[in-house]
């Protein structure tokens, strides 16, 4: 999203500065500019939530984290900000709970969510639930990408 564009813009600025410095010395010593990097497409996800019992939290939404965020996701800007925070921290919000994790045996309801699409240039197909303490924490960690369904 914005962070990726800043990195690309920073590289472009450095290349332009190098090219301009070369022309300041003289046309004979001008350094050709490198080709412009291709901009990667923005993050684009589909979020589908079922089984919450709350009509405001149920449905399927599209989210494109561009500038500005696009799609019909009810909290698009905040969801994209949250995802950008994960990217800056090098964290994967879509990673499943580790198979050897010790999770509190609490049940957060029958709600499930499926997130598919592309995030940080890779395909995403992640399932979320509230089946135990670890899954509840995982769900709440990605809010507002997923809706708050606390009882």
Protein backbone atom coordinates (compact mmCIF):
# COMPACT_ATOMS: atom_id res chain seq x y z
CA UNK A 1 0.00 0.00 0.00
CA UNK A 2 1.47 3.39 0.92
CA UNK A 3 4.62 1.87 2.43
CA UNK A 4 5.38 -0.07 -0.76
CA UNK A 5 4.84 3.07 -2.83
CA UNK A 6 7.17 5.04 -0.55
CA UNK A 7 9.93 2.48 -1.01
CA UNK A 8 9.46 2.53 -4.77
CA UNK A 9 9.27 6.33 -4.81
CA UNK A 10 12.44 6.53 -2.70
CA UNK A 11 14.30 4.35 -5.19
CA UNK A 12 13.02 6.44 -8.09
CA UNK A 13 14.11 9.65 -6.33
CA UNK A 14 17.62 8.23 -5.78
CA UNK A 15 17.85 7.20 -9.43
CA UNK A 16 16.71 10.63 -10.61
CA UNK A 17 19.18 12.34 -8.28
CA UNK A 18 22.01 10.19 -9.63
CA UNK A 19 20.97 11.01 -13.19
CA UNK A 20 20.77 14.73 -12.45
CA UNK A 21 24.16 14.68 -10.74
CA UNK A 22 25.62 13.06 -13.83
CA UNK A 23 24.19 15.75 -16.10
CA UNK A 24 25.48 18.50 -13.82
CA UNK A 25 29.02 17.30 -14.50
CA UNK A 26 28.47 17.31 -18.22
CA UNK A 27 26.45 15.63 -20.89
CA UNK A 28 29.37 13.39 -21.86
CA UNK A 29 29.46 11.82 -18.38
CA UNK A 30 25.71 11.50 -17.93
CA UNK A 31 24.63 8.20 -16.44
CA UNK A 32 21.54 6.64 -18.01
CA UNK A 33 18.63 6.21 -15.68
CA UNK A 34 17.72 2.64 -14.75
CA UNK A 35 14.36 1.38 -15.96
CA UNK A 36 11.44 2.31 -13.73
CA UNK A 37 10.40 -0.54 -11.41
CA UNK A 38 7.00 -2.00 -12.09
CA UNK A 39 4.53 -1.05 -9.41
CA UNK A 40 3.13 -4.10 -7.71
CA UNK A 41 -0.65 -4.26 -7.65
CA UNK A 42 -2.37 -3.16 -4.44
CA UNK A 43 -3.47 -5.70 -1.86
CA UNK A 44 -6.88 -7.04 -2.83
CA UNK A 45 -8.91 -9.30 -0.53
CA UNK A 46 -12.38 -10.78 -0.21
CA UNK A 47 -13.65 -11.28 3.34
CA UNK A 48 -16.62 -13.57 3.95
CA UNK A 49 -18.15 -13.93 7.42
CA UNK A 50 -20.88 -16.44 8.34
CA UNK A 51 -22.51 -17.77 11.49
CA UNK A 52 -22.23 -14.67 13.67
CA UNK A 53 -25.96 -14.22 14.22
CA UNK A 54 -25.47 -10.48 13.69
CA UNK A 55 -26.65 -9.16 10.31
CA UNK A 56 -24.18 -6.26 10.53
CA UNK A 57 -21.25 -8.69 10.85
CA UNK A 58 -22.41 -11.15 8.18
CA UNK A 59 -21.61 -10.98 4.50
CA UNK A 60 -18.92 -10.86 1.91
CA UNK A 61 -16.88 -7.73 1.22
CA UNK A 62 -14.18 -6.68 -1.20
CA UNK A 63 -11.20 -4.69 0.01
CA UNK A 64 -8.46 -3.13 -2.08
CA UNK A 65 -5.73 -1.39 -0.11
CA UNK A 66 -4.81 1.36 -2.50
CA UNK A 67 -4.65 5.11 -2.02
CA UNK A 68 -7.48 5.58 -1.11
CA UNK A 69 -8.77 2.16 0.03
CA UNK A 70 -11.49 0.81 -2.22
CA UNK A 71 -14.24 -1.78 -2.13
CA UNK A 72 -17.36 -2.30 -0.07
CA UNK A 73 -15.65 -3.42 3.16
CA UNK A 74 -17.39 -1.52 6.00
CA UNK A 75 -14.10 -0.44 7.61
CA UNK A 76 -11.85 -0.27 4.54
CA UNK A 77 -9.46 2.47 5.67
CA UNK A 78 -8.93 1.02 9.16
CA UNK A 79 -8.57 -2.53 7.77
CA UNK A 80 -5.90 -1.39 5.31
CA UNK A 81 -4.07 0.52 8.05
CA UNK A 82 -4.06 -2.64 10.19
CA UNK A 83 -2.73 -4.75 7.32
CA UNK A 84 -0.06 -2.15 6.58
CA UNK A 85 1.03 -2.35 10.23
CA UNK A 86 1.50 -6.11 9.88
CA UNK A 87 3.55 -5.58 6.71
CA UNK A 88 5.80 -2.99 8.40
CA UNK A 89 6.36 -5.35 11.33
CA UNK A 90 7.06 -8.31 9.05
CA UNK A 91 4.15 -10.26 10.55
CA UNK A 92 1.78 -12.61 8.76
CA UNK A 93 -1.78 -12.03 10.02
CA UNK A 94 -3.02 -14.94 7.90
CA UNK A 95 -0.75 -17.63 9.35
CA UNK A 96 -2.72 -20.40 11.05
CA UNK A 97 -2.39 -21.14 14.75
CA UNK A 98 0.57 -23.45 15.31
CA UNK A 99 -0.41 -27.11 15.67
CA UNK A 100 1.51 -27.34 18.96
CA UNK A 101 -0.01 -24.17 20.51
CA UNK A 102 -1.62 -24.54 23.92
CA UNK A 103 -5.00 -22.86 23.62
CA UNK A 104 -7.59 -22.06 26.27
CA UNK A 105 -10.66 -24.22 25.76
CA UNK A 106 -13.16 -21.41 25.45
CA UNK A 107 -15.65 -21.14 22.65
CA UNK A 108 -16.31 -17.79 20.98
CA UNK A 109 -19.30 -18.95 18.94
CA UNK A 110 -19.89 -20.58 15.58
CA UNK A 111 -18.78 -17.60 13.47
CA UNK A 112 -16.22 -18.25 10.73
CA UNK A 113 -14.47 -16.07 8.19
CA UNK A 114 -12.67 -16.80 4.97
CA UNK A 115 -10.14 -14.32 3.57
CA UNK A 116 -8.92 -14.83 0.01
CA UNK A 117 -7.00 -12.73 -2.46
CA UNK A 118 -3.53 -11.19 -2.64
CA UNK A 119 -1.63 -9.57 0.24
CA UNK A 120 1.97 -8.36 -0.05
CA UNK A 121 2.23 -10.04 -3.43
CA UNK A 122 1.24 -13.53 -2.30
CA UNK A 123 -1.96 -15.51 -2.59
CA UNK A 124 -4.05 -15.70 0.58
CA UNK A 125 -6.65 -18.31 1.49
CA UNK A 126 -7.09 -18.15 5.26
CA UNK A 127 -9.87 -19.45 7.47
CA UNK A 128 -10.67 -17.85 10.83
CA UNK A 129 -12.90 -19.11 13.64
CA UNK A 130 -13.48 -18.53 17.33
CA UNK A 131 -13.23 -22.20 18.31
CA UNK A 132 -10.70 -21.72 21.15
CA UNK A 133 -8.61 -19.07 22.88
CA UNK A 134 -5.90 -19.06 20.20
CA UNK A 135 -8.39 -18.71 17.36
CA UNK A 136 -10.24 -15.95 19.22
CA UNK A 137 -6.95 -14.06 19.70
CA UNK A 138 -6.08 -14.56 16.02
CA UNK A 139 -9.50 -13.17 14.98
CA UNK A 140 -9.30 -10.16 17.27
CA UNK A 141 -5.73 -9.46 16.14
CA UNK A 142 -6.89 -8.75 12.57
CA UNK A 143 -9.89 -6.59 13.52
CA UNK A 144 -11.12 -4.43 11.77
CA UNK A 145 -10.38 -6.62 8.71
CA UNK A 146 -12.74 -9.07 10.41
CA UNK A 147 -15.71 -7.59 12.25
CA UNK A 148 -15.91 -7.48 16.02
CA UNK A 149 -18.25 -10.30 17.06
CA UNK A 150 -17.68 -10.29 20.80
CA UNK A 151 -20.77 -11.42 22.67
